[in-house]
Amino acid sequence: MEIKLSVVIPTYRRPKLLLNCLNALTAQNFDPGAFEVIVVSDGPDKLTETMLTNWSKLNYPLVRYFHTDEKKGPAAARNYGWLNARAKLVAFTDDDCLPDENWLQAFYSHYQQEHIAAFSGKTIVPLPEKPTDYELNTAGLQSADFITANCCCTKKALALAGGFDEQFTMAWREDSDLEFKLIQANIPIIKVNGAIVTHPVREAPWGISIKEQRKTLYNALLYKKYPALYRQKIQPVPPVHYYTVVVSFLIMIIGLAFRQNTMLYGGLLFWAVLSLWFVFQRLRATTLQPRHVLEMMVTSLFIPFLSLYWQWYGAIKYRVFLL
């Protein structure tokens, strides 16, 4: 039977999450003989390979497993996947996502056998009544125009756009990069609200927002490639609040070093007020559990410094001026 649609899933050492995703794909209202699933591990991964070998003996559709020679990031894994796809139409999701039973049919029903086409589905992030800051940030996926957790493109569209940029070695901004490539290539991205993927929020370790700041370095790469689109769709203005926090702190340190009380106490006052305001903003729509409140208070002291550090690190690395 002709393979009408290929599904590409990047993964790395998360077999339990991947298994949930695969089980959701077996429930598709789409002929199981008409689509394939391509799992690409971001580096050798015996646990995943073993799980897939056992799972494939009991389930349909066809599952093909590949891995990159070394860890290069999800962009490289997705490229490996779509380049090996047998279908003309390629759908993307992530190993921690759960496609709705009508996901593939919704995409395919909008596909009119065009050689060049791109589609974006609807992503749902279930949240408790009072989410954590991390959960609320993850929910931003619901309003994104184009994310690789839920999109679909023809192979020719991907080839024309040049696929995913493998300079993005973390799961950050590589989907925006592909979106901007499609826009510049004048390939319309059709919204398909019936193509639904649920993206549960995984439990995150305490202080996860500190680690997340490292991703900011890829903002500089995206800005270098598409400055106008970056300002239009990602960050219209520089992070003024972060810069003000850092400048206030530096004024305080200079005042302390040179025994200038006006600078010392003025800088301290502005830094304290701005930091407390940042904590308030993060807690306003999130849970007030003591553990979470403490996490917000501690991490809010470091985030402005770390975010700007990684942004400027990226600006130097990619040789671009980004405020």
Foldseek 3Di string as FASTA:
>chain_A
DAQAEEEEEEDEQPQVLLVQQVVLAQLAPDPLARYEYEYEYQADHVVNVVSCVVVCVPGTDHYHYYYDNHRQAPQVRVVVRLVPGRHQKYAAAYSNKRWHNHQVVLVVVPDPVDSWAKEFEAEAEDADQFAFLQSVVVRVVRVDPWDRNTMMIGSNNCVQLVGFDSVLSYRPCSRVSSVVSCVVVVHDYHYRHVNYMYRYDDDDDQLVLLVVLLSLLCLLVSCVVPVVVCCVRPNVDPPVLLVQLVVLVVQLVVCVVVVPVCSNVRSVVSNVVSLVVQLCVSNVRHDPDPSSSVSSSVNSNCNSVSNVVSNVVSCVVVVHDDD
